N, C-alpha and C. Protein backbone atom coordinates (compact mmCIF):
# COMPACT_ATOMS: atom_id res chain seq x y z
N MET A 1 -14.92 -13.97 -8.64
CA MET A 1 -14.55 -13.05 -9.47
C MET A 1 -16.09 -12.03 -9.14
N VAL A 2 -16.37 -10.96 -9.36
CA VAL A 2 -17.93 -10.43 -9.40
C VAL A 2 -18.08 -9.56 -10.38
N THR A 3 -18.97 -9.60 -11.10
CA THR A 3 -19.07 -8.87 -11.98
C THR A 3 -20.69 -7.91 -11.71
N ALA A 4 -19.61 -6.36 -12.02
CA ALA A 4 -21.93 -5.41 -12.15
C ALA A 4 -21.88 -5.09 -13.29
N ARG A 5 -23.10 -4.54 -13.55
CA ARG A 5 -23.08 -3.79 -14.31
C ARG A 5 -23.79 -1.82 -14.07
N MET A 6 -23.27 -0.86 -14.74
CA MET A 6 -23.52 0.56 -14.07
C MET A 6 -23.25 1.15 -15.18
N SER A 7 -23.59 2.44 -15.78
CA SER A 7 -23.02 3.71 -15.77
C SER A 7 -21.54 3.79 -16.08
N SER A 8 -21.20 4.24 -17.18
CA SER A 8 -19.83 4.54 -16.53
C SER A 8 -19.12 5.96 -15.98
N GLY A 9 -20.23 6.79 -16.24
CA GLY A 9 -20.28 7.96 -14.98
C GLY A 9 -20.42 7.81 -13.94
N LYS A 10 -21.66 6.59 -13.32
CA LYS A 10 -21.26 6.38 -12.12
C LYS A 10 -19.96 5.66 -11.79
N LYS A 11 -19.39 4.53 -12.48
CA LYS A 11 -18.03 4.25 -12.08
C LYS A 11 -17.75 5.55 -12.14
N GLU A 12 -16.92 6.13 -12.92
CA GLU A 12 -15.90 7.04 -12.52
C GLU A 12 -16.24 7.51 -11.34
N ALA A 13 -17.53 8.22 -11.36
CA ALA A 13 -17.92 9.05 -9.78
C ALA A 13 -17.44 8.06 -8.92
N GLY A 14 -18.23 7.14 -8.92
CA GLY A 14 -17.79 6.24 -7.40
C GLY A 14 -16.06 5.69 -7.49
N ASN A 15 -15.44 6.27 -8.49
CA ASN A 15 -13.71 4.84 -8.27
C ASN A 15 -12.83 6.44 -7.83
N ARG A 16 -13.61 7.90 -8.07
CA ARG A 16 -13.13 9.34 -7.48
C ARG A 16 -12.88 8.95 -5.87
N VAL A 17 -14.55 9.14 -5.42
CA VAL A 17 -15.17 8.92 -4.09
C VAL A 17 -14.34 7.79 -3.56
N LEU A 18 -14.28 6.81 -3.86
CA LEU A 18 -13.41 5.33 -3.41
C LEU A 18 -11.97 6.02 -2.77
N GLU A 19 -11.28 6.56 -4.26
CA GLU A 19 -9.87 6.91 -4.35
C GLU A 19 -9.62 7.88 -2.85
N SER A 20 -10.65 8.68 -3.00
CA SER A 20 -10.70 9.97 -1.96
C SER A 20 -10.39 9.34 -0.74
N LEU A 21 -11.10 8.50 -0.72
CA LEU A 21 -11.09 7.59 0.92
C LEU A 21 -10.28 6.36 1.24
N GLY A 22 -9.42 6.68 -0.10
CA GLY A 22 -8.01 6.08 0.29
C GLY A 22 -8.58 4.27 -0.05
N THR A 23 -9.29 3.90 -0.28
CA THR A 23 -9.52 2.15 -1.50
C THR A 23 -10.22 2.71 -2.91
N ASN A 24 -10.37 1.37 -3.03
CA ASN A 24 -10.83 1.08 -4.39
C ASN A 24 -12.07 0.04 -4.68
N ALA A 25 -12.34 -0.01 -6.12
CA ALA A 25 -13.67 -0.54 -6.18
C ALA A 25 -13.56 -2.08 -5.19
N SER A 26 -12.48 -2.78 -5.66
CA SER A 26 -12.33 -4.28 -5.49
C SER A 26 -12.13 -4.42 -3.55
N GLN A 27 -11.63 -2.89 -3.15
CA GLN A 27 -11.49 -3.30 -1.22
C GLN A 27 -13.42 -3.00 -0.78
N ALA A 28 -13.43 -2.36 -1.36
CA ALA A 28 -15.03 -1.41 -1.29
C ALA A 28 -15.77 -2.84 -1.29
N ILE A 29 -16.15 -3.33 -2.90
CA ILE A 29 -17.15 -5.04 -2.68
C ILE A 29 -16.55 -6.16 -1.91
N ASN A 30 -15.39 -5.98 -1.60
CA ASN A 30 -15.22 -6.88 -0.73
C ASN A 30 -15.38 -7.04 0.80
N GLY A 31 -15.49 -5.37 1.03
CA GLY A 31 -15.97 -4.89 2.15
C GLY A 31 -17.05 -5.57 2.72
N PHE A 32 -18.01 -5.19 1.46
CA PHE A 32 -19.25 -4.82 1.62
C PHE A 32 -19.75 -6.62 1.60
N TYR A 33 -19.16 -7.68 0.97
CA TYR A 33 -19.63 -9.10 1.22
C TYR A 33 -19.21 -9.70 2.39
N ASP A 34 -17.99 -9.08 2.65
CA ASP A 34 -17.60 -9.39 4.02
C ASP A 34 -18.70 -8.94 5.47
N TYR A 35 -19.42 -7.77 5.02
CA TYR A 35 -20.45 -7.33 6.01
C TYR A 35 -21.40 -8.40 5.94
N VAL A 36 -21.92 -8.32 4.57
CA VAL A 36 -23.10 -9.38 4.29
C VAL A 36 -23.14 -10.21 4.69
N ILE A 37 -22.16 -11.48 4.78
CA ILE A 37 -21.75 -12.61 5.15
C ILE A 37 -22.10 -12.84 7.01
N GLU A 38 -21.00 -11.45 7.30
CA GLU A 38 -21.11 -11.37 8.98
C GLU A 38 -22.87 -11.11 9.64
N HIS A 39 -23.12 -10.47 9.20
CA HIS A 39 -24.44 -9.77 9.68
C HIS A 39 -25.76 -10.08 9.18
N LYS A 40 -25.81 -11.01 7.97
CA LYS A 40 -26.97 -11.56 7.03
C LYS A 40 -27.91 -10.62 6.97
N GLN A 41 -27.47 -9.30 6.70
CA GLN A 41 -28.67 -7.97 5.99
C GLN A 41 -26.79 -7.52 5.15
N LEU A 42 -27.65 -6.48 4.58
CA LEU A 42 -27.19 -4.48 3.71
C LEU A 42 -27.26 -4.20 5.01
N PRO A 43 -25.45 -3.55 4.82
CA PRO A 43 -25.02 -2.95 5.45
C PRO A 43 -26.54 -0.64 5.52
N TYR A 44 -27.09 -0.73 4.54
CA TYR A 44 -27.69 0.19 4.56
C TYR A 44 -28.89 -0.23 4.49
N GLN A 45 -29.51 -1.21 4.95
CA GLN A 45 -30.71 -1.94 4.72
C GLN A 45 -31.43 -1.03 6.19
N GLU A 46 -32.70 -0.33 5.36
CA GLU A 46 -33.89 0.92 5.98
C GLU A 46 -34.57 0.01 6.98
N ARG A 47 -34.21 0.18 8.46
CA ARG A 47 -35.32 0.04 9.29
C ARG A 47 -36.55 0.37 9.61
N PRO A 48 -37.38 -0.55 9.89
CA PRO A 48 -38.90 0.06 9.55
C PRO A 48 -39.26 0.96 10.40
N LYS A 49 -40.11 1.89 10.07
CA LYS A 49 -39.78 2.82 11.06
C LYS A 49 -41.23 2.91 12.14
N ARG A 50 -41.04 3.69 13.51
CA ARG A 50 -41.73 3.18 14.47
C ARG A 50 -42.55 3.82 14.20
N ARG A 51 -43.76 3.93 14.99
CA ARG A 51 -45.16 5.36 14.66
C ARG A 51 -45.31 5.30 16.15
N ALA A 52 -45.66 6.40 16.19
CA ALA A 52 -46.25 6.91 17.36
C ALA A 52 -47.49 7.00 18.00
N PHE A 53 -47.98 6.37 19.19
CA PHE A 53 -48.69 5.64 19.06
C PHE A 53 -49.95 6.53 19.84
N THR A 54 -51.06 7.03 19.47
CA THR A 54 -52.16 8.15 20.26
C THR A 54 -52.02 8.28 21.63
N SER A 55 -52.53 8.91 22.10
CA SER A 55 -52.92 8.90 23.30
C SER A 55 -53.82 8.15 24.01
N LYS A 56 -55.07 7.97 23.23
CA LYS A 56 -56.09 7.38 23.34
C LYS A 56 -55.75 5.63 23.40
N GLU A 57 -54.74 5.61 22.05
CA GLU A 57 -54.11 4.06 22.01
C GLU A 57 -53.68 3.58 23.29
N ILE A 58 -52.67 4.72 23.75
CA ILE A 58 -51.85 4.46 25.21
C ILE A 58 -52.45 4.16 25.84
N GLU A 59 -53.91 5.21 26.43
CA GLU A 59 -54.53 4.45 27.46
C GLU A 59 -55.11 3.45 26.90
N GLU A 60 -56.09 3.13 26.27
CA GLU A 60 -56.91 1.89 26.20
C GLU A 60 -55.48 0.78 26.11
N ALA A 61 -54.38 0.68 26.15
CA ALA A 61 -52.99 -0.63 26.78
C ALA A 61 -53.44 -0.91 27.89
N LYS A 62 -52.97 0.69 28.32
CA LYS A 62 -52.63 0.57 30.10
C LYS A 62 -54.27 -0.29 30.49
N ALA A 63 -55.71 0.53 30.23
CA ALA A 63 -56.75 -0.35 30.73
C ALA A 63 -56.94 -1.82 30.61
N PHE A 64 -56.14 -2.02 29.45
CA PHE A 64 -56.14 -3.53 29.17
C PHE A 64 -55.37 -4.30 30.05
N VAL A 65 -54.20 -3.81 30.04
CA VAL A 65 -53.37 -4.62 30.83
C VAL A 65 -53.80 -4.23 32.45
N ASP A 66 -54.36 -3.53 32.60
CA ASP A 66 -54.71 -3.31 34.51
C ASP A 66 -55.66 -4.43 34.68
N ASP A 67 -56.77 -4.21 33.24
CA ASP A 67 -57.84 -4.98 33.93
C ASP A 67 -57.57 -6.75 33.30
N ILE A 68 -56.30 -7.45 32.99
CA ILE A 68 -55.79 -8.27 33.06
C ILE A 68 -56.43 -9.61 33.87
N GLY A 69 -56.06 -9.01 35.09
CA GLY A 69 -56.32 -9.64 36.59
C GLY A 69 -57.52 -9.61 37.25
N LYS A 70 -57.85 -9.29 36.60
CA LYS A 70 -59.42 -8.87 36.95
C LYS A 70 -60.37 -10.09 36.23
N ARG A 71 -59.90 -10.45 34.85
CA ARG A 71 -60.66 -10.75 33.91
C ARG A 71 -61.17 -12.46 34.41
N ARG A 72 -61.94 -12.97 34.38
CA ARG A 72 -62.85 -13.61 34.84
C ARG A 72 -62.55 -14.72 33.22
N THR A 73 -62.43 -16.04 33.37
CA THR A 73 -62.52 -16.98 32.48
C THR A 73 -63.58 -17.38 31.89
N GLU A 74 -64.14 -18.57 30.97
CA GLU A 74 -65.18 -19.01 30.97
C GLU A 74 -64.76 -20.94 31.21
N GLY A 75 -65.73 -21.51 31.16
CA GLY A 75 -65.14 -23.27 31.23
C GLY A 75 -65.15 -23.67 32.15
N ARG A 76 -64.51 -24.24 32.55
CA ARG A 76 -64.62 -25.52 33.96
C ARG A 76 -63.89 -24.36 35.19
N PHE A 77 -63.22 -24.35 34.86
CA PHE A 77 -62.19 -22.83 35.74
C PHE A 77 -62.34 -21.68 35.93
N ALA A 78 -63.68 -21.09 35.10
CA ALA A 78 -64.69 -20.33 35.24
C ALA A 78 -64.65 -19.35 37.16
N ARG A 79 -65.24 -20.54 37.76
CA ARG A 79 -65.55 -19.82 39.12
C ARG A 79 -64.70 -20.61 40.18
N MET A 80 -63.45 -20.89 39.77
CA MET A 80 -61.99 -21.34 40.62
C MET A 80 -61.15 -20.50 41.15
N THR A 81 -60.68 -20.40 42.27
CA THR A 81 -59.80 -20.03 42.47
C THR A 81 -58.51 -20.61 42.01
N ILE A 82 -57.55 -19.76 42.10
CA ILE A 82 -55.93 -19.83 40.99
C ILE A 82 -55.60 -21.61 41.88
N LYS A 83 -55.81 -21.34 42.88
CA LYS A 83 -55.24 -22.57 43.81
C LYS A 83 -56.12 -23.91 43.33
N GLU A 84 -57.51 -23.46 43.25
CA GLU A 84 -58.11 -24.89 43.02
C GLU A 84 -57.79 -25.41 41.32
N ALA A 85 -57.78 -24.39 40.70
CA ALA A 85 -57.49 -24.40 39.35
C ALA A 85 -55.92 -25.07 38.59
N ARG A 86 -55.01 -24.39 39.71
CA ARG A 86 -53.61 -25.23 39.58
C ARG A 86 -53.69 -26.84 40.06
N ARG A 87 -54.63 -27.29 41.20
CA ARG A 87 -54.62 -28.66 41.83
C ARG A 87 -56.13 -29.42 41.21
N GLU A 88 -56.82 -28.78 39.95
CA GLU A 88 -57.57 -29.53 38.58
C GLU A 88 -56.45 -29.71 37.50
N ARG A 89 -55.93 -28.48 37.38
CA ARG A 89 -54.71 -29.02 36.53
C ARG A 89 -53.79 -30.40 36.62
N THR A 90 -53.46 -29.90 37.85
CA THR A 90 -52.48 -31.41 38.20
C THR A 90 -52.93 -32.59 38.15
N GLY A 91 -54.00 -32.68 38.42
CA GLY A 91 -55.08 -33.86 39.17
C GLY A 91 -55.16 -34.68 37.39
N VAL A 92 -55.54 -33.50 36.47
CA VAL A 92 -56.25 -33.97 34.85
C VAL A 92 -54.78 -34.50 34.45
N GLN A 93 -53.54 -33.65 34.77
CA GLN A 93 -51.90 -34.14 33.78
C GLN A 93 -51.71 -35.42 34.21
N ALA A 94 -51.84 -35.98 36.17
CA ALA A 94 -51.55 -36.67 36.37
C ALA A 94 -52.57 -37.64 36.05
N ASP A 95 -53.50 -37.96 35.87
CA ASP A 95 -54.47 -38.94 35.61
C ASP A 95 -54.01 -39.39 34.11
N ALA A 96 -53.72 -37.55 33.31
CA ALA A 96 -53.92 -38.60 31.71
C ALA A 96 -51.97 -39.33 31.35
N ASN A 97 -51.22 -38.84 32.63
CA ASN A 97 -50.16 -39.70 32.58
C ASN A 97 -49.94 -41.24 33.07
N ALA A 98 -51.30 -41.53 33.90
CA ALA A 98 -51.01 -42.63 34.53
C ALA A 98 -51.07 -43.82 33.85
N GLY A 99 -51.69 -43.68 32.49
CA GLY A 99 -51.89 -44.49 31.31
C GLY A 99 -50.79 -45.01 30.65
N ASP A 100 -49.43 -44.03 31.00
CA ASP A 100 -48.21 -44.47 30.54
C ASP A 100 -47.79 -45.09 31.49
N ALA A 101 -48.12 -45.84 32.63
CA ALA A 101 -47.06 -46.35 33.43
C ALA A 101 -47.57 -48.22 33.06
């Protein structure tokens, strides 16, 4: 059993609408609970509005993505080719696993 508090005016107006839709408060509430259980959210939950990006932000993002492959890292891998870095990583991992044997 579910109990809800509301003004009598709201209840009467809601019941009239529900009746015109061919249902009643009990069926509407059961349907509401079924939806919440199945979808784990409210049926009328507002979704956050996506903001529009400015043309400057889009250009900055494009430039950042285009520059990703060109960036050099710092540290011991900075001057290595990708092949050398992979070999180095594999060797380090192999040495670390050697103690487990």
